[in-house]
Amino acid sequence: MDNKKAEDLWDENILGEESFGKFYTGYGFRALNKIVESEPEALGNVLILDEKKKSYTITEFLDLLKNWKIILDN
């Protein structure tokens, strides 16, 4: 979100990890889904960073995600 910085990232807000064409979701993926369902107007404030600190829009992230099989972390 707008008030967060890269230094504020921790395991609980990581969207997930891609490996061999699969995307293993993390707690951040659940949080993103909750935002989509309950506060979609807040999506414009979401910042997605990869491990190299490259930023993605929601659309760019979803474009990547559609190429992978999603493995939900239960």
PDB file of N, CA and C in Angstrom:
ATOM      1  N   MET A   1       0.840  -1.168   0.000  1.00  0.00           N
ATOM      2  CA  MET A   1       0.000   0.000   0.000  1.00  0.00           C
ATOM      3  C   MET A   1       0.896   1.246   0.000  1.00  0.00           C
ATOM      4  N   ASP A   2       0.298   2.404  -0.190  1.00  0.00           N
ATOM      5  CA  ASP A   2       1.061   3.647  -0.327  1.00  0.00           C
ATOM      6  C   ASP A   2       1.995   3.949   0.838  1.00  0.00           C
ATOM      7  N   ASN A   3       1.587   3.627   2.045  1.00  0.00           N
ATOM      8  CA  ASN A   3       2.392   4.004   3.204  1.00  0.00           C
ATOM      9  C   ASN A   3       3.494   3.001   3.531  1.00  0.00           C
ATOM     10  N   LYS A   4       3.684   1.977   2.712  1.00  0.00           N
ATOM     11  CA  LYS A   4       4.709   0.963   2.952  1.00  0.00           C
ATOM     12  C   LYS A   4       5.924   1.209   2.077  1.00  0.00           C
ATOM     13  N   LYS A   5       7.066   0.760   2.571  1.00  0.00           N
ATOM     14  CA  LYS A   5       8.322   0.843   1.827  1.00  0.00           C
ATOM     15  C   LYS A   5       8.861  -0.568   1.650  1.00  0.00           C
ATOM     16  N   ALA A   6       9.814  -0.734   0.741  1.00  0.00           N
ATOM     17  CA  ALA A   6      10.413  -2.048   0.508  1.00  0.00           C
ATOM     18  C   ALA A   6      10.980  -2.624   1.804  1.00  0.00           C
ATOM     19  N   GLU A   7      11.475  -1.766   2.678  1.00  0.00           N
ATOM     20  CA  GLU A   7      12.047  -2.231   3.948  1.00  0.00           C
ATOM     21  C   GLU A   7      10.982  -2.804   4.877  1.00  0.00           C
ATOM     22  N   ASP A   8       9.707  -2.505   4.597  1.00  0.00           N
ATOM     23  CA  ASP A   8       8.615  -2.967   5.445  1.00  0.00           C
ATOM     24  C   ASP A   8       8.147  -4.386   5.098  1.00  0.00           C
ATOM     25  N   LEU A   9       8.729  -4.987   4.067  1.00  0.00           N
ATOM     26  CA  LEU A   9       8.288  -6.304   3.630  1.00  0.00           C
ATOM     27  C   LEU A   9       8.730  -7.385   4.610  1.00  0.00           C
ATOM     28  N   TRP A  10       7.866  -8.360   4.823  1.00  0.00           N
ATOM     29  CA  TRP A  10       8.181  -9.502   5.659  1.00  0.00           C
ATOM     30  C   TRP A  10       7.426 -10.703   5.115  1.00  0.00           C
ATOM     31  N   ASP A  11       7.701 -11.885   5.635  1.00  0.00           N
ATOM     32  CA  ASP A  11       7.124 -13.114   5.103  1.00  0.00           C
ATOM     33  C   ASP A  11       5.608 -13.072   4.992  1.00  0.00           C
ATOM     34  N   GLU A  12       4.932 -12.410   5.908  1.00  0.00           N
ATOM     35  CA  GLU A  12       3.475 -12.412   5.921  1.00  0.00           C
ATOM     36  C   GLU A  12       2.853 -11.625   4.771  1.00  0.00           C
ATOM     37  N   ASN A  13       3.604 -10.796   4.074  1.00  0.00           N
ATOM     38  CA  ASN A  13       2.991 -10.078   2.954  1.00  0.00           C
ATOM     39  C   ASN A  13       3.614 -10.427   1.607  1.00  0.00           C
ATOM     40  N   ILE A  14       4.318 -11.532   1.533  1.00  0.00           N
ATOM     41  CA  ILE A  14       4.866 -12.006   0.264  1.00  0.00           C
ATOM     42  C   ILE A  14       3.757 -12.700  -0.513  1.00  0.00           C
ATOM     43  N   LEU A  15       3.572 -12.296  -1.767  1.00  0.00           N
ATOM     44  CA  LEU A  15       2.519 -12.886  -2.596  1.00  0.00           C
ATOM     45  C   LEU A  15       2.765 -14.360  -2.850  1.00  0.00           C
ATOM     46  N   GLY A  16       4.006 -14.721  -3.087  1.00  0.00           N
ATOM     47  CA  GLY A  16       4.343 -16.115  -3.350  1.00  0.00           C
ATOM     48  C   GLY A  16       5.641 -16.217  -4.118  1.00  0.00           C
ATOM     49  N   GLU A  17       5.917 -17.432  -4.577  1.00  0.00           N
ATOM     50  CA  GLU A  17       7.157 -17.688  -5.312  1.00  0.00           C
ATOM     51  C   GLU A  17       6.855 -18.552  -6.519  1.00  0.00           C
ATOM     52  N   GLU A  18       7.529 -18.239  -7.628  1.00  0.00           N
ATOM     53  CA  GLU A  18       7.378 -19.017  -8.856  1.00  0.00           C
ATOM     54  C   GLU A  18       8.535 -19.993  -8.965  1.00  0.00           C
ATOM     55  N   SER A  19       8.213 -21.228  -9.338  1.00  0.00           N
ATOM     56  CA  SER A  19       9.234 -22.241  -9.552  1.00  0.00           C
ATOM     57  C   SER A  19       8.701 -23.264 -10.552  1.00  0.00           C
ATOM     58  N   PHE A  20       9.441 -23.475 -11.625  1.00  0.00           N
ATOM     59  CA  PHE A  20       9.096 -24.476 -12.633  1.00  0.00           C
ATOM     60  C   PHE A  20       7.653 -24.349 -13.118  1.00  0.00           C
ATOM     61  N   GLY A  21       7.232 -23.111 -13.403  1.00  0.00           N
ATOM     62  CA  GLY A  21       5.912 -22.886 -13.959  1.00  0.00           C
ATOM     63  C   GLY A  21       4.771 -22.945 -12.959  1.00  0.00           C
ATOM     64  N   LYS A  22       5.108 -23.010 -11.677  1.00  0.00           N
ATOM     65  CA  LYS A  22       4.091 -23.030 -10.632  1.00  0.00           C
ATOM     66  C   LYS A  22       4.294 -21.819  -9.734  1.00  0.00           C
ATOM     67  N   PHE A  23       3.181 -21.251  -9.270  1.00  0.00           N
ATOM     68  CA  PHE A  23       3.229 -20.118  -8.357  1.00  0.00           C
ATOM     69  C   PHE A  23       2.690 -20.576  -7.014  1.00  0.00           C
ATOM     70  N   TYR A  24       3.596 -20.645  -6.027  1.00  0.00           N
ATOM     71  CA  TYR A  24       3.239 -21.072  -4.678  1.00  0.00           C
ATOM     72  C   TYR A  24       2.855 -19.839  -3.872  1.00  0.00           C
ATOM     73  N   THR A  25       1.591 -19.751  -3.511  1.00  0.00           N
ATOM     74  CA  THR A  25       1.089 -18.551  -2.859  1.00  0.00           C
ATOM     75  C   THR A  25       1.547 -18.436  -1.414  1.00  0.00           C
ATOM     76  N   GLY A  26       1.613 -17.189  -0.957  1.00  0.00           N
ATOM     77  CA  GLY A  26       1.934 -16.882   0.431  1.00  0.00           C
ATOM     78  C   GLY A  26       0.799 -16.080   1.047  1.00  0.00           C
ATOM     79  N   TYR A  27       1.031 -15.586   2.254  1.00  0.00           N
ATOM     80  CA  TYR A  27       0.006 -14.817   2.962  1.00  0.00           C
ATOM     81  C   TYR A  27      -0.382 -13.534   2.217  1.00  0.00           C
ATOM     82  N   GLY A  28       0.553 -12.946   1.510  1.00  0.00           N
ATOM     83  CA  GLY A  28       0.259 -11.734   0.751  1.00  0.00           C
ATOM     84  C   GLY A  28      -0.756 -11.969  -0.351  1.00  0.00           C
ATOM     85  N   PHE A  29      -0.768 -13.176  -0.904  1.00  0.00           N
ATOM     86  CA  PHE A  29      -1.744 -13.513  -1.942  1.00  0.00           C
ATOM     87  C   PHE A  29      -3.151 -13.530  -1.350  1.00  0.00           C
ATOM     88  N   ARG A  30      -3.274 -14.064  -0.138  1.00  0.00           N
ATOM     89  CA  ARG A  30      -4.567 -14.043   0.556  1.00  0.00           C
ATOM     90  C   ARG A  30      -5.006 -12.606   0.813  1.00  0.00           C
ATOM     91  N   ALA A  31      -4.061 -11.774   1.244  1.00  0.00           N
ATOM     92  CA  ALA A  31      -4.378 -10.368   1.518  1.00  0.00           C
ATOM     93  C   ALA A  31      -4.825  -9.665   0.237  1.00  0.00           C
ATOM     94  N   LEU A  32      -4.140  -9.935  -0.873  1.00  0.00           N
ATOM     95  CA  LEU A  32      -4.520  -9.333  -2.151  1.00  0.00           C
ATOM     96  C   LEU A  32      -5.934  -9.763  -2.544  1.00  0.00           C
ATOM     97  N   ASN A  33      -6.242 -11.040  -2.377  1.00  0.00           N
ATOM     98  CA  ASN A  33      -7.593 -11.523  -2.686  1.00  0.00           C
ATOM     99  C   ASN A  33      -8.639 -10.836  -1.815  1.00  0.00           C
ATOM    100  N   LYS A  34      -8.307 -10.625  -0.554  1.00  0.00           N
ATOM    101  CA  LYS A  34      -9.238  -9.949   0.352  1.00  0.00           C
ATOM    102  C   LYS A  34      -9.484  -8.509  -0.107  1.00  0.00           C
ATOM    103  N   ILE A  35      -8.424  -7.832  -0.556  1.00  0.00           N
ATOM    104  CA  ILE A  35      -8.575  -6.469  -1.073  1.00  0.00           C
ATOM    105  C   ILE A  35      -9.470  -6.473  -2.310  1.00  0.00           C
ATOM    106  N   VAL A  36      -9.241  -7.431  -3.212  1.00  0.00           N
ATOM    107  CA  VAL A  36     -10.046  -7.538  -4.429  1.00  0.00           C
ATOM    108  C   VAL A  36     -11.523  -7.723  -4.072  1.00  0.00           C
ATOM    109  N   GLU A  37     -11.791  -8.578  -3.087  1.00  0.00           N
ATOM    110  CA  GLU A  37     -13.171  -8.887  -2.723  1.00  0.00           C
ATOM    111  C   GLU A  37     -13.845  -7.787  -1.908  1.00  0.00           C
ATOM    112  N   SER A  38     -13.111  -7.160  -0.984  1.00  0.00           N
ATOM    113  CA  SER A  38     -13.776  -6.254  -0.049  1.00  0.00           C
ATOM    114  C   SER A  38     -13.467  -4.768  -0.256  1.00  0.00           C
ATOM    115  N   GLU A  39     -12.331  -4.449  -0.852  1.00  0.00           N
ATOM    116  CA  GLU A  39     -11.957  -3.048  -1.060  1.00  0.00           C
ATOM    117  C   GLU A  39     -11.285  -2.844  -2.414  1.00  0.00           C
ATOM    118  N   PRO A  40     -11.953  -3.186  -3.516  1.00  0.00           N
ATOM    119  CA  PRO A  40     -11.304  -3.089  -4.832  1.00  0.00           C
ATOM    120  C   PRO A  40     -10.820  -1.683  -5.170  1.00  0.00           C
ATOM    121  N   GLU A  41     -11.430  -0.664  -4.581  1.00  0.00           N
ATOM    122  CA  GLU A  41     -10.977   0.704  -4.835  1.00  0.00           C
ATOM    123  C   GLU A  41      -9.560   0.950  -4.308  1.00  0.00           C
ATOM    124  N   ALA A  42      -9.095   0.110  -3.392  1.00  0.00           N
ATOM    125  CA  ALA A  42      -7.754   0.254  -2.818  1.00  0.00           C
ATOM    126  C   ALA A  42      -6.665  -0.348  -3.702  1.00  0.00           C
ATOM    127  N   LEU A  43      -7.037  -1.072  -4.742  1.00  0.00           N
ATOM    128  CA  LEU A  43      -6.038  -1.733  -5.588  1.00  0.00           C
ATOM    129  C   LEU A  43      -5.059  -0.756  -6.235  1.00  0.00           C
ATOM    130  N   GLY A  44      -5.489   0.460  -6.463  1.00  0.00           N
ATOM    131  CA  GLY A  44      -4.598   1.467  -7.032  1.00  0.00           C
ATOM    132  C   GLY A  44      -3.470   1.851  -6.104  1.00  0.00           C
ATOM    133  N   ASN A  45      -3.590   1.505  -4.833  1.00  0.00           N
ATOM    134  CA  ASN A  45      -2.564   1.819  -3.837  1.00  0.00           C
ATOM    135  C   ASN A  45      -1.619   0.655  -3.556  1.00  0.00           C
ATOM    136  N   VAL A  46      -1.849  -0.478  -4.204  1.00  0.00           N
ATOM    137  CA  VAL A  46      -1.052  -1.677  -3.953  1.00  0.00           C
ATOM    138  C   VAL A  46       0.263  -1.596  -4.737  1.00  0.00           C
ATOM    139  N   LEU A  47       1.346  -1.913  -4.060  1.00  0.00           N
ATOM    140  CA  LEU A  47       2.670  -1.947  -4.680  1.00  0.00           C
ATOM    141  C   LEU A  47       3.165  -3.389  -4.664  1.00  0.00           C
ATOM    142  N   ILE A  48       3.502  -3.901  -5.833  1.00  0.00           N
ATOM    143  CA  ILE A  48       4.026  -5.265  -5.948  1.00  0.00           C
ATOM    144  C   ILE A  48       5.475  -5.168  -6.383  1.00  0.00           C
ATOM    145  N   LEU A  49       6.355  -5.785  -5.596  1.00  0.00           N
ATOM    146  CA  LEU A  49       7.791  -5.798  -5.888  1.00  0.00           C
ATOM    147  C   LEU A  49       8.272  -7.231  -6.005  1.00  0.00           C
ATOM    148  N   ASP A  50       9.216  -7.464  -6.923  1.00  0.00           N
ATOM    149  CA  ASP A  50       9.841  -8.781  -6.981  1.00  0.00           C
ATOM    150  C   ASP A  50      11.104  -8.783  -6.122  1.00  0.00           C
ATOM    151  N   GLU A  51      11.805  -9.889  -6.125  1.00  0.00           N
ATOM    152  CA  GLU A  51      12.993 -10.023  -5.267  1.00  0.00           C
ATOM    153  C   GLU A  51      14.115  -9.057  -5.640  1.00  0.00           C
ATOM    154  N   LYS A  52      14.034  -8.474  -6.842  1.00  0.00           N
ATOM    155  CA  LYS A  52      15.036  -7.495  -7.277  1.00  0.00           C
ATOM    156  C   LYS A  52      14.532  -6.065  -7.129  1.00  0.00           C
ATOM    157  N   LYS A  53      13.407  -5.904  -6.424  1.00  0.00           N
ATOM    158  CA  LYS A  53      12.777  -4.603  -6.155  1.00  0.00           C
ATOM    159  C   LYS A  53      12.178  -3.955  -7.401  1.00  0.00           C
ATOM    160  N   LYS A  54      11.946  -4.751  -8.462  1.00  0.00           N
ATOM    161  CA  LYS A  54      11.246  -4.245  -9.647  1.00  0.00           C
ATOM    162  C   LYS A  54       9.757  -4.183  -9.311  1.00  0.00           C
ATOM    163  N   SER A  55       9.114  -3.069  -9.638  1.00  0.00           N
ATOM    164  CA  SER A  55       7.700  -2.918  -9.307  1.00  0.00           C
ATOM    165  C   SER A  55       6.807  -3.351 -10.467  1.00  0.00           C
ATOM    166  N   TYR A  56       5.609  -3.807 -10.114  1.00  0.00           N
ATOM    167  CA  TYR A  56       4.610  -4.250 -11.073  1.00  0.00           C
ATOM    168  C   TYR A  56       3.264  -3.641 -10.699  1.00  0.00           C
ATOM    169  N   THR A  57       2.479  -3.313 -11.707  1.00  0.00           N
ATOM    170  CA  THR A  57       1.097  -2.935 -11.464  1.00  0.00           C
ATOM    171  C   THR A  57       0.310  -4.229 -11.224  1.00  0.00           C
ATOM    172  N   ILE A  58      -0.908  -4.086 -10.758  1.00  0.00           N
ATOM    173  CA  ILE A  58      -1.768  -5.264 -10.585  1.00  0.00           C
ATOM    174  C   ILE A  58      -1.928  -5.990 -11.922  1.00  0.00           C
ATOM    175  N   THR A  59      -2.158  -5.244 -12.990  1.00  0.00           N
ATOM    176  CA  THR A  59      -2.340  -5.842 -14.316  1.00  0.00           C
ATOM    177  C   THR A  59      -1.089  -6.589 -14.760  1.00  0.00           C
ATOM    178  N   GLU A  60       0.071  -5.994 -14.568  1.00  0.00           N
ATOM    179  CA  GLU A  60       1.328  -6.659 -14.950  1.00  0.00           C
ATOM    180  C   GLU A  60       1.525  -7.944 -14.150  1.00  0.00           C
ATOM    181  N   PHE A  61       1.216  -7.903 -12.856  1.00  0.00           N
ATOM    182  CA  PHE A  61       1.343  -9.098 -12.025  1.00  0.00           C
ATOM    183  C   PHE A  61       0.384 -10.186 -12.496  1.00  0.00           C
ATOM    184  N   LEU A  62      -0.857  -9.820 -12.781  1.00  0.00           N
ATOM    185  CA  LEU A  62      -1.831 -10.809 -13.248  1.00  0.00           C
ATOM    186  C   LEU A  62      -1.437 -11.393 -14.600  1.00  0.00           C
ATOM    187  N   ASP A  63      -0.822 -10.580 -15.460  1.00  0.00           N
ATOM    188  CA  ASP A  63      -0.326 -11.085 -16.740  1.00  0.00           C
ATOM    189  C   ASP A  63       0.750 -12.149 -16.527  1.00  0.00           C
ATOM    190  N   LEU A  64       1.606 -11.957 -15.535  1.00  0.00           N
ATOM    191  CA  LEU A  64       2.613 -12.973 -15.196  1.00  0.00           C
ATOM    192  C   LEU A  64       1.943 -14.210 -14.610  1.00  0.00           C
ATOM    193  N   LEU A  65       1.025 -13.978 -13.708  1.00  0.00           N
ATOM    194  CA  LEU A  65       0.364 -15.057 -12.979  1.00  0.00           C
ATOM    195  C   LEU A  65      -0.400 -16.004 -13.895  1.00  0.00           C
ATOM    196  N   LYS A  66      -0.968 -15.481 -14.968  1.00  0.00           N
ATOM    197  CA  LYS A  66      -1.766 -16.333 -15.854  1.00  0.00           C
ATOM    198  C   LYS A  66      -0.924 -17.389 -16.565  1.00  0.00           C
ATOM    199  N   ASN A  67       0.396 -17.226 -16.551  1.00  0.00           N
ATOM    200  CA  ASN A  67       1.292 -18.187 -17.194  1.00  0.00           C
ATOM    201  C   ASN A  67       1.676 -19.345 -16.276  1.00  0.00           C
ATOM    202  N   TRP A  68       1.295 -19.262 -15.011  1.00  0.00           N
ATOM    203  CA  TRP A  68       1.710 -20.260 -14.026  1.00  0.00           C
ATOM    204  C   TRP A  68       0.522 -20.999 -13.441  1.00  0.00           C
ATOM    205  N   LYS A  69       0.758 -22.209 -13.003  1.00  0.00           N
ATOM    206  CA  LYS A  69      -0.255 -22.949 -12.257  1.00  0.00           C
ATOM    207  C   LYS A  69      -0.179 -22.464 -10.812  1.00  0.00           C
ATOM    208  N   ILE A  70      -1.303 -22.055 -10.261  1.00  0.00           N
ATOM    209  CA  ILE A  70      -1.337 -21.498  -8.905  1.00  0.00           C
ATOM    210  C   ILE A  70      -1.499 -22.631  -7.899  1.00  0.00           C
ATOM    211  N   ILE A  71      -0.567 -22.679  -6.951  1.00  0.00           N
ATOM    212  CA  ILE A  71      -0.592 -23.665  -5.876  1.00  0.00           C
ATOM    213  C   ILE A  71      -0.932 -22.900  -4.598  1.00  0.00           C
ATOM    214  N   LEU A  72      -2.140 -23.135  -4.070  1.00  0.00           N
ATOM    215  CA  LEU A  72      -2.572 -22.415  -2.879  1.00  0.00           C
ATOM    216  C   LEU A  72      -1.921 -23.002  -1.642  1.00  0.00           C
ATOM    217  N   ASP A  73      -1.425 -22.132  -0.790  1.00  0.00           N
ATOM    218  CA  ASP A  73      -0.805 -22.527   0.477  1.00  0.00           C
ATOM    219  C   ASP A  73      -1.910 -22.655   1.504  1.00  0.00           C
ATOM    220  N   ASN A  74      -2.193 -23.860   1.939  1.00  0.00           N
ATOM    221  CA  ASN A  74      -3.276 -24.057   2.899  1.00  0.00           C
ATOM    222  C   ASN A  74      -2.781 -24.008   4.306  1.00  0.00           C
TER     223      ASN A  74
END
